[in-house]
Amino acid sequence: MTLKGDGLVVKVGEIDTYVTVKGSGEPLVYLHGAFGYGSWHPFLDKLSENFTVYAPLHPGFDEGEGLEHLTDLLDLTLYHIDLLESLGLEKPHVAGHYNGAMVAAEMAALCPHSVGRLVLASPAGVWQDDNQGTDYFAVPPGELAKVLFSDSSSEIVKLAIPETTNEQEVEIEDIRRVRALSTVGKFLWPIPDKGLRKRMGRIKSQVMVVMGSDDPIVPLEYGQDFLAGISGSKLSVLDGASHMLMLEKPDEFSSIIVEFLSN
């Protein structure tokens, strides 16, 4: 490991991974989703008041390298298990959002002894033919905020998706978005059901599923699939929150996690 800014550069096999580290206390690894991965957000600051938070940048996002070494979901899951070992973490708590939550669940199913408690926020990994959710790949960039947030005109949205008329900045943002969605698509396309439903019963961790009441990407009913598949799991719903629930409701979101992991 080498120090870099507020974090570490960790060698995981052939992949150099940047991990932001803040806080003190028990280790908590946060696995980001398809959106909101480029910043250290207020909810992470709140979590770092109670835990040592490790937030890796996944391969294929922004400057994240090594995606070519990960062929499928099994590769991705093993990479994350190896990341914990490279960080020197023994059974850390793991929280994830969307595809990050799916990976967290797969880690716990494949290698139950490697993780502590799990928080799965708007988790991908299951599929309902009659309730498929919004295909965000098909949403025009200008309409994306309406899908990700309950109130697309809020100040939170302006911070998360800043508007600009600068052509160069627009082009850079388009490239970032396409690269990120291509990375997510590599592991979720054409549908996110890669067999997790069959493996959920292997999860021994205590699990909290957190859903946004207004999430069109991962409908609330999907949370019931995780409750049914993971023994003893719990569900918490944030009213008035959409897919980016941790940005819309940072206090409530972090409070749920702190209470769950501390009791």
Protein backbone atom coordinates (compact mmCIF):
# COMPACT_ATOMS: atom_id res chain seq x y z
CA MET A 1 0.00 0.00 0.00
CA THR A 2 1.12 3.56 -0.70
CA LEU A 3 -0.27 6.80 0.71
CA LYS A 4 -1.96 9.23 -1.67
CA GLY A 5 -3.84 12.30 -0.45
CA ASP A 6 -6.62 11.27 1.94
CA GLY A 7 -6.26 7.63 1.06
CA LEU A 8 -4.24 4.68 -0.11
CA VAL A 9 -3.28 3.05 -3.36
CA VAL A 10 -3.72 -0.67 -2.78
CA LYS A 11 -2.39 -3.41 -5.03
CA VAL A 12 -5.04 -6.09 -5.59
CA GLY A 13 -3.57 -8.67 -7.93
CA GLU A 14 -2.74 -6.69 -11.06
CA ILE A 15 -5.03 -3.79 -10.16
CA ASP A 16 -4.01 -0.60 -8.37
CA THR A 17 -7.03 0.63 -6.40
CA TYR A 18 -7.44 4.05 -4.82
CA VAL A 19 -9.19 3.94 -1.44
CA THR A 20 -10.22 7.04 0.50
CA VAL A 21 -9.93 6.48 4.25
CA LYS A 22 -11.39 8.67 6.98
CA GLY A 23 -12.60 8.36 10.56
CA SER A 24 -11.90 6.08 13.50
CA GLY A 25 -13.47 3.03 15.05
CA GLU A 26 -14.52 -0.28 13.53
CA PRO A 27 -13.84 -0.62 9.79
CA LEU A 28 -16.69 0.05 7.38
CA VAL A 29 -16.15 -0.45 3.66
CA TYR A 30 -18.46 1.53 1.36
CA LEU A 31 -18.93 0.23 -2.20
CA HIS A 32 -20.34 2.92 -4.47
CA GLY A 33 -22.94 2.43 -7.16
CA ALA A 34 -23.36 3.60 -10.74
CA PHE A 35 -23.82 7.23 -9.73
CA GLY A 36 -22.37 9.55 -7.11
CA TYR A 37 -18.97 7.86 -7.08
CA GLY A 38 -16.79 10.91 -7.73
CA SER A 39 -17.02 12.71 -4.39
CA TRP A 40 -16.76 12.20 -0.66
CA HIS A 41 -20.36 12.94 0.32
CA PRO A 42 -21.81 14.27 3.63
CA PHE A 43 -23.24 10.86 4.57
CA LEU A 44 -19.73 9.41 4.49
CA ASP A 45 -18.52 12.17 6.79
CA LYS A 46 -21.30 11.28 9.20
CA LEU A 47 -20.37 7.60 9.08
CA SER A 48 -16.71 8.45 9.68
CA GLU A 49 -17.69 9.97 13.03
CA ASN A 50 -18.39 6.41 14.22
CA PHE A 51 -16.32 4.17 11.96
CA THR A 52 -13.13 4.09 9.96
CA VAL A 53 -14.63 4.38 6.49
CA TYR A 54 -12.87 2.86 3.49
CA ALA A 55 -14.31 4.02 0.16
CA PRO A 56 -12.60 2.38 -2.85
CA LEU A 57 -12.98 3.67 -6.39
CA HIS A 58 -14.04 0.67 -8.42
CA PRO A 59 -12.16 -0.27 -11.60
CA GLY A 60 -13.75 1.36 -14.63
CA PHE A 61 -14.93 4.53 -12.87
CA ASP A 62 -13.09 7.82 -13.43
CA GLU A 63 -9.39 7.04 -13.03
CA GLY A 64 -10.06 3.56 -11.68
CA GLU A 65 -7.86 1.05 -13.51
CA GLY A 66 -7.92 -2.67 -14.15
CA LEU A 67 -11.38 -3.34 -15.53
CA GLU A 68 -9.84 -5.46 -18.29
CA HIS A 69 -8.74 -7.97 -15.63
CA LEU A 70 -12.34 -8.55 -14.45
CA THR A 71 -14.29 -10.71 -16.86
CA ASP A 72 -17.49 -11.44 -14.97
CA LEU A 73 -19.29 -11.06 -11.65
CA LEU A 74 -17.24 -13.83 -10.04
CA ASP A 75 -14.03 -11.97 -10.91
CA LEU A 76 -15.50 -8.76 -9.53
CA THR A 77 -16.55 -10.43 -6.27
CA LEU A 78 -13.19 -12.13 -5.73
CA TYR A 79 -11.43 -8.84 -6.48
CA HIS A 80 -13.37 -7.17 -3.66
CA ILE A 81 -12.69 -10.03 -1.25
CA ASP A 82 -8.99 -9.72 -2.08
CA LEU A 83 -9.24 -5.95 -1.60
CA LEU A 84 -10.27 -6.50 2.03
CA GLU A 85 -7.24 -8.71 2.54
CA SER A 86 -4.94 -6.17 0.87
CA LEU A 87 -6.28 -3.51 3.24
CA GLY A 88 -5.59 -5.78 6.19
CA LEU A 89 -9.25 -5.83 7.21
CA GLU A 90 -10.72 -8.82 9.02
CA LYS A 91 -14.51 -9.09 8.77
CA PRO A 92 -15.23 -5.38 8.22
CA HIS A 93 -18.79 -4.16 7.92
CA VAL A 94 -19.69 -3.54 4.29
CA ALA A 95 -22.24 -1.07 2.94
CA GLY A 96 -23.01 -0.78 -0.74
CA HIS A 97 -25.29 1.07 -3.12
CA TYR A 98 -26.94 -0.56 -6.16
CA ASN A 99 -24.21 -2.54 -7.99
CA GLY A 100 -21.98 -2.01 -4.95
CA ALA A 101 -24.69 -3.56 -2.78
CA MET A 102 -24.95 -6.51 -5.16
CA VAL A 103 -21.20 -7.07 -4.86
CA ALA A 104 -21.42 -6.84 -1.06
CA ALA A 105 -24.12 -9.52 -1.04
CA GLU A 106 -22.13 -11.72 -3.40
CA MET A 107 -19.06 -11.38 -1.15
CA ALA A 108 -21.07 -12.49 1.86
CA ALA A 109 -22.59 -15.40 -0.07
CA LEU A 110 -19.34 -16.61 -1.60
CA CYS A 111 -17.10 -16.08 1.42
CA PRO A 112 -19.28 -15.64 4.53
CA HIS A 113 -16.34 -15.33 6.93
CA SER A 114 -14.85 -12.34 5.05
CA VAL A 115 -17.40 -9.68 6.05
CA GLY A 116 -19.22 -8.46 9.12
CA ARG A 117 -22.66 -6.88 8.91
CA LEU A 118 -24.07 -5.74 5.56
CA VAL A 119 -26.03 -2.66 4.53
CA LEU A 120 -27.58 -3.03 1.07
CA ALA A 121 -28.94 0.26 -0.29
CA SER A 122 -31.16 0.04 -3.39
CA PRO A 123 -29.46 -3.26 -4.19
CA ALA A 124 -29.17 -4.68 -7.68
CA GLY A 125 -29.00 -8.42 -8.23
CA VAL A 126 -32.60 -9.58 -8.55
CA TRP A 127 -35.21 -9.19 -11.28
CA GLN A 128 -38.99 -9.14 -11.53
CA ASP A 129 -40.38 -9.59 -15.05
CA ASP A 130 -43.59 -7.75 -14.19
CA ASN A 131 -41.83 -4.91 -12.32
CA GLN A 132 -38.63 -4.20 -14.20
CA GLY A 133 -37.95 -0.64 -13.08
CA THR A 134 -36.67 2.26 -15.17
CA ASP A 135 -33.92 1.50 -17.66
CA TYR A 136 -31.53 4.34 -16.82
CA PHE A 137 -29.33 3.40 -19.79
CA ALA A 138 -32.11 4.74 -22.00
CA VAL A 139 -32.70 7.96 -20.03
CA PRO A 140 -31.36 11.10 -21.78
CA PRO A 141 -28.68 12.89 -19.72
CA GLY A 142 -30.91 15.90 -19.23
CA GLU A 143 -33.64 13.73 -17.70
CA LEU A 144 -31.42 11.65 -15.43
CA ALA A 145 -31.92 13.82 -12.33
CA LYS A 146 -35.67 13.12 -12.45
CA VAL A 147 -34.93 9.40 -12.20
CA LEU A 148 -32.24 9.59 -9.54
CA PHE A 149 -33.85 12.11 -7.18
CA SER A 150 -37.34 12.65 -5.80
CA ASP A 151 -37.01 16.42 -6.24
CA SER A 152 -34.92 17.10 -9.32
CA SER A 153 -34.87 20.84 -8.60
CA SER A 154 -33.37 20.57 -5.10
CA GLU A 155 -30.05 22.06 -4.07
CA ILE A 156 -28.72 18.54 -3.56
CA VAL A 157 -29.21 17.81 -7.25
CA LYS A 158 -27.41 21.01 -8.23
CA LEU A 159 -24.42 19.89 -6.18
CA ALA A 160 -24.52 16.27 -7.38
CA ILE A 161 -25.19 17.07 -11.04
CA PRO A 162 -23.92 20.62 -11.58
CA GLU A 163 -25.24 22.36 -14.68
CA THR A 164 -22.76 23.81 -17.12
CA THR A 165 -22.80 25.33 -20.58
CA ASN A 166 -19.06 24.90 -21.04
CA GLU A 167 -18.71 22.52 -23.99
CA GLN A 168 -15.47 21.01 -22.70
CA GLU A 169 -16.98 20.31 -19.27
CA VAL A 170 -20.09 18.80 -20.86
CA GLU A 171 -17.91 16.55 -23.02
CA ILE A 172 -15.85 15.42 -20.02
CA GLU A 173 -18.99 14.65 -18.02
CA ASP A 174 -20.45 12.69 -20.96
CA ILE A 175 -17.28 10.59 -21.14
CA ARG A 176 -17.37 9.93 -17.37
CA ARG A 177 -21.02 8.87 -17.52
CA VAL A 178 -20.56 6.59 -20.54
CA ARG A 179 -17.51 4.94 -18.98
CA ALA A 180 -19.29 4.37 -15.68
CA LEU A 181 -22.44 2.98 -17.27
CA SER A 182 -20.37 0.74 -19.55
CA THR A 183 -18.63 -0.63 -16.47
CA VAL A 184 -21.91 -1.30 -14.68
CA GLY A 185 -23.37 -2.82 -17.83
CA LYS A 186 -20.49 -5.29 -18.02
CA PHE A 187 -21.77 -6.95 -14.85
CA LEU A 188 -25.53 -6.21 -14.94
CA TRP A 189 -26.49 -6.35 -18.63
CA PRO A 190 -28.91 -7.46 -20.00
CA ILE A 191 -30.62 -8.01 -16.64
CA PRO A 192 -29.03 -7.87 -13.17
CA ASP A 193 -30.12 -11.40 -12.20
CA LYS A 194 -26.84 -13.32 -12.18
CA GLY A 195 -27.95 -15.97 -9.72
CA LEU A 196 -27.78 -14.02 -6.45
CA ARG A 197 -31.28 -15.12 -5.51
CA LYS A 198 -30.02 -18.73 -5.42
CA ARG A 199 -27.01 -17.80 -3.29
CA MET A 200 -28.70 -15.52 -0.74
CA GLY A 201 -29.27 -18.39 1.66
CA ARG A 202 -25.49 -18.69 2.11
CA ILE A 203 -25.29 -15.22 3.67
CA LYS A 204 -24.66 -15.50 7.42
CA SER A 205 -24.18 -11.78 8.11
CA GLN A 206 -26.77 -9.61 9.74
CA VAL A 207 -28.26 -7.58 6.88
CA MET A 208 -30.09 -4.27 6.62
CA VAL A 209 -31.73 -3.44 3.30
CA VAL A 210 -32.38 0.28 2.78
CA MET A 211 -34.77 1.39 0.04
CA GLY A 212 -36.04 4.73 -1.21
CA SER A 213 -39.84 4.93 -1.35
CA ASP A 214 -39.72 6.67 -4.75
CA ASP A 215 -36.92 4.73 -6.44
CA PRO A 216 -37.93 3.90 -10.05
CA ILE A 217 -34.68 2.02 -10.78
CA VAL A 218 -34.91 -0.45 -7.88
CA PRO A 219 -38.62 -0.54 -6.98
CA LEU A 220 -39.50 -0.96 -3.33
CA GLU A 221 -40.85 -4.47 -3.99
CA TYR A 222 -37.32 -5.66 -4.77
CA GLY A 223 -36.44 -5.17 -1.12
CA GLN A 224 -38.89 -7.93 -0.27
CA ASP A 225 -36.89 -10.36 -2.41
CA PHE A 226 -33.84 -9.76 -0.24
CA LEU A 227 -35.88 -10.12 2.96
CA ALA A 228 -37.26 -13.42 1.72
CA GLY A 229 -33.87 -14.72 0.63
CA ILE A 230 -31.65 -13.66 3.56
CA SER A 231 -32.56 -15.11 6.95
CA GLY A 232 -33.07 -12.48 9.64
CA SER A 233 -32.58 -9.51 7.32
CA LYS A 234 -34.33 -6.22 7.98
CA LEU A 235 -35.80 -3.55 5.72
CA SER A 236 -35.78 0.22 6.24
CA VAL A 237 -37.58 2.57 3.84
CA LEU A 238 -36.69 6.23 3.45
CA ASP A 239 -39.84 8.14 2.54
CA GLY A 240 -39.42 10.87 -0.04
CA ALA A 241 -36.16 9.43 -1.35
CA SER A 242 -35.36 8.02 -4.76
CA HIS A 243 -32.39 6.03 -6.07
CA MET A 244 -29.80 8.42 -4.60
CA LEU A 245 -31.31 8.05 -1.13
CA MET A 246 -27.96 8.52 0.63
CA LEU A 247 -27.58 11.98 -0.94
CA GLU A 248 -31.21 13.05 -0.50
CA LYS A 249 -31.48 11.86 3.10
CA PRO A 250 -27.88 11.81 4.43
CA ASP A 251 -28.80 12.20 8.09
CA GLU A 252 -31.49 9.51 8.05
CA PHE A 253 -29.41 7.18 5.89
CA SER A 254 -26.30 7.43 8.08
CA SER A 255 -28.37 7.13 11.27
CA ILE A 256 -29.89 3.85 10.05
CA ILE A 257 -26.44 2.47 9.37
CA VAL A 258 -24.90 3.64 12.63
CA GLU A 259 -27.75 2.22 14.69
CA PHE A 260 -27.73 -1.09 12.82
CA LEU A 261 -23.98 -1.58 13.04
CA SER A 262 -23.70 -0.45 16.66
CA ASN A 263 -26.36 -2.66 18.24
